[in-house]
Amino acid sequence: MRSNKRFTNTVFTKRVDHEEGHKSALHPTEPAICTQCHAVYAGERWTAASNTDVPEPRKRTEVRETLCPACIQIKSGEPSGFVFIDGKFVPDHMVEIQNLLRNENEKTAEVNPLARIMEIKSAGDQLVVTTTTEHLAQQLGRSLGHAFGGDVRYDFSHENKLARVHWHRD
């Protein structure tokens, strides 16, 4: 039977991921270090190895080697963000754009080591950047807009956490 209500709670509830949600179910044993990127897990959070504000682990045990969620995501090849860069401006300024993307990636990784660029693909006059978080994709779009102008459009998936950012300049 159909309800007379026009909207229900299921219309507005944000579904992230049907299997895991925002976070994986199991946290690694503290302290842990990622064998690929050397990020440190202590104090219930991941921090960059170069960060001096690494929290003290709750338990004093030997350091466990593991893979961080970002390295697992890169290995599985499932991005959470896409940045599409196109326009007549791109071929002439390809090196500058790629440098900006790499600098933003490094700056963001100091604060959140789980936010990383997975891949930068060049397809003719277009660049496609994949990221491990939707927030990094949005940040890259904002940075491109501030640095080079152009038009930025943000699209978000309804079913899961996925952002598509389109930057265009002629």
N, C-alpha and C. Protein backbone atom coordinates (compact mmCIF):
# COMPACT_ATOMS: atom_id res chain seq x y z
N MET A 1 0.84 -1.17 0.00
CA MET A 1 0.00 0.00 0.00
C MET A 1 0.89 1.24 0.00
N ARG A 2 0.56 2.17 -0.80
CA ARG A 2 1.35 3.39 -0.92
C ARG A 2 0.87 4.43 0.10
N SER A 3 1.83 5.10 0.71
CA SER A 3 1.53 6.11 1.71
C SER A 3 1.12 7.42 1.04
N ASN A 4 0.34 8.20 1.74
CA ASN A 4 -0.03 9.52 1.23
C ASN A 4 1.08 10.53 1.44
N LYS A 5 2.07 10.18 2.26
CA LYS A 5 3.20 11.08 2.49
C LYS A 5 4.01 11.21 1.21
N ARG A 6 4.40 12.42 0.94
CA ARG A 6 5.18 12.67 -0.26
C ARG A 6 6.64 12.26 -0.08
N PHE A 7 7.17 12.48 1.11
CA PHE A 7 8.56 12.13 1.39
C PHE A 7 8.63 11.26 2.63
N THR A 8 9.60 10.39 2.66
CA THR A 8 9.83 9.56 3.83
C THR A 8 11.28 9.74 4.26
N ASN A 9 11.62 9.16 5.39
CA ASN A 9 12.98 9.28 5.90
C ASN A 9 13.98 8.63 4.94
N THR A 10 13.57 7.59 4.23
CA THR A 10 14.50 6.93 3.32
C THR A 10 14.87 7.82 2.14
N VAL A 11 14.09 8.82 1.84
CA VAL A 11 14.42 9.75 0.77
C VAL A 11 15.62 10.61 1.16
N PHE A 12 15.70 10.98 2.44
CA PHE A 12 16.71 11.91 2.89
C PHE A 12 17.91 11.26 3.58
N THR A 13 17.81 10.00 3.95
CA THR A 13 18.90 9.32 4.63
C THR A 13 20.04 9.08 3.66
N LYS A 14 21.24 9.46 4.06
CA LYS A 14 22.40 9.28 3.20
C LYS A 14 22.93 7.86 3.37
N ARG A 15 22.91 7.11 2.30
CA ARG A 15 23.48 5.77 2.31
C ARG A 15 24.90 5.86 1.80
N VAL A 16 25.82 5.43 2.58
CA VAL A 16 27.23 5.58 2.22
C VAL A 16 27.70 4.38 1.43
N ASP A 17 27.76 3.26 2.06
CA ASP A 17 28.20 2.05 1.42
C ASP A 17 27.47 0.91 2.10
N HIS A 18 26.79 0.11 1.34
CA HIS A 18 25.93 -0.90 1.94
C HIS A 18 26.70 -1.96 2.73
N GLU A 19 27.94 -2.21 2.37
CA GLU A 19 28.71 -3.24 3.05
C GLU A 19 29.43 -2.71 4.29
N GLU A 20 30.20 -1.63 4.14
CA GLU A 20 31.09 -1.21 5.21
C GLU A 20 30.76 0.13 5.85
N GLY A 21 30.08 1.00 5.19
CA GLY A 21 29.85 2.32 5.74
C GLY A 21 31.07 3.20 5.58
N HIS A 22 31.23 4.18 6.46
CA HIS A 22 32.36 5.10 6.38
C HIS A 22 33.68 4.43 6.73
N LYS A 23 33.67 3.56 7.74
CA LYS A 23 34.91 2.98 8.24
C LYS A 23 34.83 1.47 8.21
N SER A 24 35.98 0.84 8.17
CA SER A 24 36.00 -0.61 8.26
C SER A 24 35.63 -1.03 9.68
N ALA A 25 35.17 -2.24 9.82
CA ALA A 25 34.68 -2.71 11.12
C ALA A 25 35.80 -2.89 12.14
N LEU A 26 36.96 -3.34 11.70
CA LEU A 26 38.03 -3.63 12.64
C LEU A 26 39.14 -2.59 12.53
N HIS A 27 39.55 -2.08 13.66
CA HIS A 27 40.69 -1.17 13.71
C HIS A 27 41.93 -2.02 13.94
N PRO A 28 43.07 -1.61 13.39
CA PRO A 28 44.29 -2.38 13.66
C PRO A 28 44.72 -2.21 15.11
N THR A 29 45.49 -3.16 15.57
CA THR A 29 46.04 -3.09 16.93
C THR A 29 47.06 -1.97 16.99
N GLU A 30 46.99 -1.17 18.04
CA GLU A 30 47.92 -0.04 18.18
C GLU A 30 49.21 -0.48 18.84
N PRO A 31 50.31 0.13 18.56
CA PRO A 31 50.59 0.98 17.41
C PRO A 31 50.83 0.13 16.17
N ALA A 32 50.53 0.69 15.01
CA ALA A 32 50.71 -0.01 13.75
C ALA A 32 51.35 0.95 12.75
N ILE A 33 52.04 0.38 11.79
CA ILE A 33 52.67 1.18 10.75
C ILE A 33 52.35 0.54 9.40
N CYS A 34 52.07 1.37 8.43
CA CYS A 34 51.77 0.88 7.08
C CYS A 34 53.10 0.52 6.41
N THR A 35 53.15 -0.67 5.84
CA THR A 35 54.39 -1.13 5.22
C THR A 35 54.68 -0.42 3.90
N GLN A 36 53.67 0.20 3.27
CA GLN A 36 53.90 0.87 1.99
C GLN A 36 54.15 2.36 2.13
N CYS A 37 53.30 3.07 2.86
CA CYS A 37 53.43 4.54 2.94
C CYS A 37 54.03 5.00 4.27
N HIS A 38 54.19 4.09 5.22
CA HIS A 38 54.78 4.36 6.53
C HIS A 38 53.93 5.28 7.40
N ALA A 39 52.63 5.35 7.14
CA ALA A 39 51.72 6.08 8.03
C ALA A 39 51.62 5.31 9.34
N VAL A 40 51.39 6.04 10.43
CA VAL A 40 51.37 5.44 11.76
C VAL A 40 49.95 5.47 12.31
N TYR A 41 49.50 4.33 12.87
CA TYR A 41 48.19 4.25 13.51
C TYR A 41 48.41 4.21 15.01
N ALA A 42 48.02 5.28 15.68
CA ALA A 42 48.13 5.38 17.14
C ALA A 42 47.07 6.37 17.62
N GLY A 43 46.56 6.16 18.79
CA GLY A 43 45.53 7.05 19.32
C GLY A 43 44.26 7.00 18.49
N GLU A 44 43.97 5.85 17.91
CA GLU A 44 42.78 5.60 17.09
C GLU A 44 42.70 6.46 15.84
N ARG A 45 43.86 6.85 15.28
CA ARG A 45 43.85 7.59 14.02
C ARG A 45 45.16 7.38 13.28
N TRP A 46 45.09 7.58 11.97
CA TRP A 46 46.27 7.47 11.11
C TRP A 46 46.92 8.83 10.99
N THR A 47 48.24 8.88 11.12
CA THR A 47 48.98 10.12 10.93
C THR A 47 50.15 9.86 10.00
N ALA A 48 50.61 10.91 9.34
CA ALA A 48 51.76 10.79 8.46
C ALA A 48 53.01 10.51 9.27
N ALA A 49 53.91 9.73 8.71
CA ALA A 49 55.14 9.38 9.43
C ALA A 49 55.99 10.61 9.70
N SER A 50 55.91 11.62 8.83
CA SER A 50 56.71 12.83 9.01
C SER A 50 56.08 13.80 10.01
N ASN A 51 54.86 13.55 10.43
CA ASN A 51 54.15 14.43 11.36
C ASN A 51 54.72 14.25 12.77
N THR A 52 55.07 15.34 13.41
CA THR A 52 55.65 15.28 14.76
C THR A 52 54.58 15.14 15.84
N ASP A 53 53.30 15.31 15.50
CA ASP A 53 52.22 15.23 16.48
C ASP A 53 51.59 13.84 16.52
N VAL A 54 52.39 12.80 16.40
CA VAL A 54 51.87 11.44 16.45
C VAL A 54 51.40 11.16 17.87
N PRO A 55 50.13 10.78 18.06
CA PRO A 55 49.63 10.53 19.41
C PRO A 55 50.25 9.28 20.01
N GLU A 56 50.24 9.22 21.32
CA GLU A 56 50.75 8.05 22.03
C GLU A 56 49.75 6.91 21.86
N PRO A 57 50.23 5.71 21.61
CA PRO A 57 49.31 4.57 21.51
C PRO A 57 48.70 4.28 22.87
N ARG A 58 47.49 3.73 22.86
CA ARG A 58 46.81 3.42 24.11
C ARG A 58 47.47 2.25 24.83
N LYS A 59 48.06 1.35 24.07
CA LYS A 59 48.71 0.19 24.66
C LYS A 59 50.18 0.21 24.30
N ARG A 60 51.00 -0.22 25.20
CA ARG A 60 52.44 -0.31 24.93
C ARG A 60 52.77 -1.73 24.48
N THR A 61 52.79 -1.93 23.20
CA THR A 61 53.18 -3.21 22.63
C THR A 61 54.13 -2.94 21.48
N GLU A 62 54.61 -3.98 20.87
CA GLU A 62 55.49 -3.76 19.74
C GLU A 62 54.69 -3.30 18.52
N VAL A 63 55.37 -2.59 17.64
CA VAL A 63 54.71 -2.01 16.48
C VAL A 63 54.34 -3.12 15.50
N ARG A 64 53.10 -3.09 15.07
CA ARG A 64 52.57 -4.08 14.15
C ARG A 64 52.61 -3.53 12.74
N GLU A 65 53.00 -4.33 11.77
CA GLU A 65 53.02 -3.90 10.37
C GLU A 65 51.71 -4.30 9.71
N THR A 66 51.14 -3.36 8.96
CA THR A 66 49.87 -3.59 8.29
C THR A 66 49.78 -2.68 7.07
N LEU A 67 48.66 -2.68 6.39
CA LEU A 67 48.39 -1.74 5.30
C LEU A 67 47.33 -0.77 5.78
N CYS A 68 47.52 0.52 5.49
CA CYS A 68 46.53 1.52 5.87
C CYS A 68 45.34 1.43 4.90
N PRO A 69 44.19 1.98 5.26
CA PRO A 69 43.03 1.92 4.38
C PRO A 69 43.27 2.55 3.01
N ALA A 70 44.09 3.59 2.92
CA ALA A 70 44.35 4.22 1.63
C ALA A 70 45.17 3.30 0.73
N CYS A 71 46.16 2.62 1.28
CA CYS A 71 46.95 1.68 0.48
C CYS A 71 46.11 0.50 0.03
N ILE A 72 45.20 0.05 0.88
CA ILE A 72 44.28 -1.03 0.49
C ILE A 72 43.38 -0.57 -0.64
N GLN A 73 42.89 0.66 -0.54
CA GLN A 73 42.01 1.21 -1.57
C GLN A 73 42.76 1.39 -2.89
N ILE A 74 43.99 1.86 -2.85
CA ILE A 74 44.80 2.02 -4.06
C ILE A 74 45.07 0.65 -4.68
N LYS A 75 45.35 -0.34 -3.85
CA LYS A 75 45.61 -1.69 -4.34
C LYS A 75 44.37 -2.28 -5.00
N SER A 76 43.20 -2.02 -4.43
CA SER A 76 41.96 -2.56 -5.01
C SER A 76 41.51 -1.75 -6.23
N GLY A 77 42.00 -0.51 -6.34
CA GLY A 77 41.66 0.31 -7.51
C GLY A 77 40.27 0.90 -7.48
N GLU A 78 39.72 1.15 -6.30
CA GLU A 78 38.37 1.71 -6.17
C GLU A 78 38.46 3.14 -5.65
N PRO A 79 38.44 4.13 -6.53
CA PRO A 79 38.53 5.52 -6.08
C PRO A 79 37.24 6.03 -5.45
N SER A 80 37.38 7.06 -4.62
CA SER A 80 36.22 7.73 -4.03
C SER A 80 36.01 9.11 -4.64
N GLY A 81 36.94 9.54 -5.48
CA GLY A 81 36.81 10.84 -6.11
C GLY A 81 37.44 10.86 -7.48
N PHE A 82 36.81 11.60 -8.39
CA PHE A 82 37.32 11.80 -9.74
C PHE A 82 37.40 13.29 -9.99
N VAL A 83 38.48 13.72 -10.63
CA VAL A 83 38.61 15.11 -11.07
C VAL A 83 38.87 15.06 -12.57
N PHE A 84 37.95 15.64 -13.35
CA PHE A 84 38.08 15.70 -14.79
C PHE A 84 38.53 17.11 -15.17
N ILE A 85 39.67 17.21 -15.83
CA ILE A 85 40.27 18.50 -16.17
C ILE A 85 40.33 18.58 -17.69
N ASP A 86 39.64 19.58 -18.27
CA ASP A 86 39.68 19.69 -19.72
C ASP A 86 39.52 21.13 -20.17
N GLY A 87 39.70 21.35 -21.45
CA GLY A 87 39.60 22.67 -22.07
C GLY A 87 40.83 22.97 -22.90
N LYS A 88 40.76 24.04 -23.65
CA LYS A 88 41.88 24.44 -24.51
C LYS A 88 43.09 24.91 -23.70
N PHE A 89 42.86 25.30 -22.45
CA PHE A 89 43.91 25.77 -21.56
C PHE A 89 44.85 24.64 -21.13
N VAL A 90 44.34 23.44 -21.05
CA VAL A 90 45.06 22.32 -20.43
C VAL A 90 46.33 21.92 -21.18
N PRO A 91 46.33 21.71 -22.51
CA PRO A 91 47.56 21.24 -23.16
C PRO A 91 48.75 22.19 -22.99
N ASP A 92 48.51 23.49 -23.01
CA ASP A 92 49.60 24.46 -22.89
C ASP A 92 50.13 24.55 -21.46
N HIS A 93 49.32 24.18 -20.46
CA HIS A 93 49.71 24.32 -19.05
C HIS A 93 49.68 22.98 -18.31
N MET A 94 49.92 21.90 -19.03
CA MET A 94 49.84 20.56 -18.45
C MET A 94 50.81 20.39 -17.28
N VAL A 95 52.05 20.85 -17.43
CA VAL A 95 53.06 20.69 -16.37
C VAL A 95 52.66 21.48 -15.13
N GLU A 96 52.20 22.71 -15.31
CA GLU A 96 51.78 23.53 -14.18
C GLU A 96 50.60 22.90 -13.43
N ILE A 97 49.65 22.36 -14.18
CA ILE A 97 48.48 21.74 -13.56
C ILE A 97 48.90 20.50 -12.77
N GLN A 98 49.76 19.67 -13.36
CA GLN A 98 50.21 18.47 -12.65
C GLN A 98 51.02 18.82 -11.40
N ASN A 99 51.83 19.87 -11.48
CA ASN A 99 52.58 20.31 -10.29
C ASN A 99 51.64 20.78 -9.20
N LEU A 100 50.60 21.53 -9.57
CA LEU A 100 49.61 21.99 -8.59
C LEU A 100 48.93 20.79 -7.93
N LEU A 101 48.55 19.79 -8.72
CA LEU A 101 47.89 18.60 -8.18
C LEU A 101 48.80 17.87 -7.20
N ARG A 102 50.06 17.70 -7.56
CA ARG A 102 51.00 17.00 -6.68
C ARG A 102 51.26 17.79 -5.39
N ASN A 103 51.38 19.12 -5.51
CA ASN A 103 51.60 19.95 -4.32
C ASN A 103 50.41 19.88 -3.37
N GLU A 104 49.20 19.94 -3.91
CA GLU A 104 47.99 19.83 -3.07
C GLU A 104 47.92 18.46 -2.41
N ASN A 105 48.31 17.42 -3.15
CA ASN A 105 48.31 16.08 -2.59
C ASN A 105 49.28 15.98 -1.41
N GLU A 106 50.48 16.53 -1.56
CA GLU A 106 51.46 16.50 -0.47
C GLU A 106 51.00 17.30 0.73
N LYS A 107 50.41 18.47 0.48
CA LYS A 107 49.93 19.31 1.58
C LYS A 107 48.79 18.63 2.34
N THR A 108 47.90 18.00 1.63
CA THR A 108 46.77 17.32 2.26
C THR A 108 47.23 16.07 3.01
N ALA A 109 48.24 15.37 2.48
CA ALA A 109 48.72 14.14 3.11
C ALA A 109 49.35 14.41 4.48
N GLU A 110 49.85 15.60 4.70
CA GLU A 110 50.40 15.93 6.03
C GLU A 110 49.30 15.96 7.08
N VAL A 111 48.12 16.42 6.70
CA VAL A 111 46.99 16.50 7.63
C VAL A 111 46.25 15.16 7.69
N ASN A 112 46.00 14.57 6.52
CA ASN A 112 45.26 13.32 6.43
C ASN A 112 45.99 12.37 5.49
N PRO A 113 46.77 11.44 6.01
CA PRO A 113 47.53 10.55 5.14
C PRO A 113 46.67 9.57 4.34
N LEU A 114 45.39 9.47 4.67
CA LEU A 114 44.50 8.59 3.93
C LEU A 114 43.91 9.25 2.70
N ALA A 115 44.13 10.55 2.53
CA ALA A 115 43.65 11.28 1.35
C ALA A 115 44.81 11.40 0.37
N ARG A 116 44.71 10.65 -0.72
CA ARG A 116 45.81 10.63 -1.69
C ARG A 116 45.29 10.58 -3.12
N ILE A 117 46.13 11.06 -4.02
CA ILE A 117 45.86 10.88 -5.44
C ILE A 117 46.26 9.46 -5.79
N MET A 118 45.34 8.73 -6.41
CA MET A 118 45.63 7.37 -6.81
C MET A 118 46.35 7.33 -8.16
N GLU A 119 45.84 8.14 -9.10
CA GLU A 119 46.39 8.10 -10.45
C GLU A 119 46.03 9.38 -11.20
N ILE A 120 46.93 9.82 -12.07
CA ILE A 120 46.67 10.94 -12.98
C ILE A 120 46.83 10.39 -14.39
N LYS A 121 45.72 10.32 -15.12
CA LYS A 121 45.75 9.82 -16.49
C LYS A 121 45.61 10.98 -17.45
N SER A 122 46.39 10.94 -18.51
CA SER A 122 46.30 11.95 -19.55
C SER A 122 45.67 11.31 -20.78
N ALA A 123 44.57 11.88 -21.22
CA ALA A 123 43.87 11.38 -22.41
C ALA A 123 43.70 12.53 -23.38
N GLY A 124 44.72 12.77 -24.20
CA GLY A 124 44.66 13.87 -25.16
C GLY A 124 44.72 15.20 -24.45
N ASP A 125 43.67 16.00 -24.58
CA ASP A 125 43.61 17.31 -23.95
C ASP A 125 42.94 17.27 -22.58
N GLN A 126 42.72 16.08 -22.06
CA GLN A 126 42.02 15.94 -20.79
C GLN A 126 42.88 15.17 -19.79
N LEU A 127 42.77 15.56 -18.52
CA LEU A 127 43.38 14.83 -17.42
C LEU A 127 42.27 14.24 -16.56
N VAL A 128 42.46 13.02 -16.11
CA VAL A 128 41.53 12.39 -15.18
C VAL A 128 42.33 11.99 -13.95
N VAL A 129 41.94 12.54 -12.81
CA VAL A 129 42.63 12.28 -11.55
C VAL A 129 41.68 11.47 -10.67
N THR A 130 42.18 10.37 -10.11
CA THR A 130 41.39 9.59 -9.16
C THR A 130 41.99 9.76 -7.77
N THR A 131 41.12 9.86 -6.76
CA THR A 131 41.56 10.09 -5.38
C THR A 131 40.95 9.05 -4.44
N THR A 132 41.57 8.91 -3.27
CA THR A 132 41.08 7.95 -2.28
C THR A 132 39.92 8.51 -1.46
N THR A 133 39.75 9.83 -1.42
CA THR A 133 38.63 10.42 -0.69
C THR A 133 37.91 11.44 -1.57
N GLU A 134 36.64 11.61 -1.31
CA GLU A 134 35.87 12.59 -2.06
C GLU A 134 36.28 14.01 -1.67
N HIS A 135 36.77 14.19 -0.45
CA HIS A 135 37.17 15.51 0.01
C HIS A 135 38.41 16.01 -0.73
N LEU A 136 39.34 15.12 -1.03
CA LEU A 136 40.53 15.52 -1.79
C LEU A 136 40.15 15.92 -3.20
N ALA A 137 39.21 15.23 -3.81
CA ALA A 137 38.75 15.60 -5.15
C ALA A 137 38.16 17.02 -5.13
N GLN A 138 37.36 17.33 -4.12
CA GLN A 138 36.79 18.67 -3.99
C GLN A 138 37.89 19.71 -3.78
N GLN A 139 38.88 19.38 -2.95
CA GLN A 139 39.99 20.31 -2.69
C GLN A 139 40.79 20.58 -3.97
N LEU A 140 41.03 19.55 -4.77
CA LEU A 140 41.75 19.74 -6.02
C LEU A 140 40.97 20.64 -6.97
N GLY A 141 39.67 20.47 -7.03
CA GLY A 141 38.84 21.34 -7.86
C GLY A 141 38.88 22.78 -7.41
N ARG A 142 38.82 23.00 -6.08
CA ARG A 142 38.91 24.36 -5.54
C ARG A 142 40.27 24.98 -5.85
N SER A 143 41.34 24.20 -5.71
CA SER A 143 42.69 24.70 -5.97
C SER A 143 42.87 25.07 -7.44
N LEU A 144 42.35 24.26 -8.34
CA LEU A 144 42.43 24.57 -9.77
C LEU A 144 41.67 25.87 -10.07
N GLY A 145 40.51 26.01 -9.46
CA GLY A 145 39.72 27.22 -9.66
C GLY A 145 40.41 28.47 -9.15
N HIS A 146 41.04 28.38 -7.98
CA HIS A 146 41.75 29.53 -7.41
C HIS A 146 43.00 29.87 -8.21
N ALA A 147 43.73 28.85 -8.65
CA ALA A 147 45.00 29.09 -9.33
C ALA A 147 44.83 29.53 -10.78
N PHE A 148 43.91 28.91 -11.49
CA PHE A 148 43.82 29.14 -12.93
C PHE A 148 42.48 29.70 -13.39
N GLY A 149 41.54 29.89 -12.49
CA GLY A 149 40.21 30.35 -12.91
C GLY A 149 39.44 29.19 -13.52
N GLY A 150 38.57 29.48 -14.45
CA GLY A 150 37.79 28.43 -15.10
C GLY A 150 36.52 28.12 -14.33
N ASP A 151 35.82 27.11 -14.82
CA ASP A 151 34.55 26.69 -14.22
C ASP A 151 34.74 25.36 -13.51
N VAL A 152 34.23 25.28 -12.28
CA VAL A 152 34.30 24.05 -11.50
C VAL A 152 32.88 23.60 -11.19
N ARG A 153 32.61 22.32 -11.42
CA ARG A 153 31.30 21.74 -11.11
C ARG A 153 31.51 20.51 -10.25
N TYR A 154 30.71 20.37 -9.20
CA TYR A 154 30.83 19.24 -8.28
C TYR A 154 29.58 18.38 -8.40
N ASP A 155 29.77 17.08 -8.59
CA ASP A 155 28.67 16.11 -8.66
C ASP A 155 28.93 15.04 -7.62
N PHE A 156 27.86 14.61 -6.94
CA PHE A 156 27.99 13.60 -5.90
C PHE A 156 27.05 12.44 -6.20
N SER A 157 27.50 11.24 -5.87
CA SER A 157 26.70 10.05 -6.08
C SER A 157 25.64 9.95 -4.99
N HIS A 158 24.50 9.42 -5.35
CA HIS A 158 23.40 9.27 -4.39
C HIS A 158 23.61 8.05 -3.50
N GLU A 159 24.09 6.96 -4.06
CA GLU A 159 24.15 5.70 -3.34
C GLU A 159 25.36 5.55 -2.43
N ASN A 160 26.52 6.08 -2.81
CA ASN A 160 27.71 5.89 -1.99
C ASN A 160 28.56 7.14 -2.01
N LYS A 161 29.64 7.11 -1.25
CA LYS A 161 30.51 8.28 -1.14
C LYS A 161 31.41 8.35 -2.37
N LEU A 162 30.99 9.11 -3.36
CA LEU A 162 31.76 9.27 -4.58
C LEU A 162 31.53 10.68 -5.09
N ALA A 163 32.63 11.39 -5.36
CA ALA A 163 32.53 12.76 -5.87
C ALA A 163 33.15 12.82 -7.25
N ARG A 164 32.49 13.57 -8.13
CA ARG A 164 33.03 13.84 -9.46
C ARG A 164 33.15 15.36 -9.60
N VAL A 165 34.37 15.80 -9.84
CA VAL A 165 34.64 17.23 -9.97
C VAL A 165 35.06 17.48 -11.41
N HIS A 166 34.41 18.44 -12.05
CA HIS A 166 34.73 18.80 -13.44
C HIS A 166 35.29 20.21 -13.45
N TRP A 167 36.51 20.37 -13.96
CA TRP A 167 37.13 21.69 -14.10
C TRP A 167 37.37 21.92 -15.59
N HIS A 168 36.93 23.07 -16.07
CA HIS A 168 37.04 23.39 -17.49
C HIS A 168 37.48 24.84 -17.66
N ARG A 169 38.43 25.04 -18.59
CA ARG A 169 38.82 26.39 -18.95
C ARG A 169 39.26 26.39 -20.42
N ASP A 170 38.73 27.34 -21.18
CA ASP A 170 39.11 27.49 -22.58
C ASP A 170 40.20 28.52 -22.76
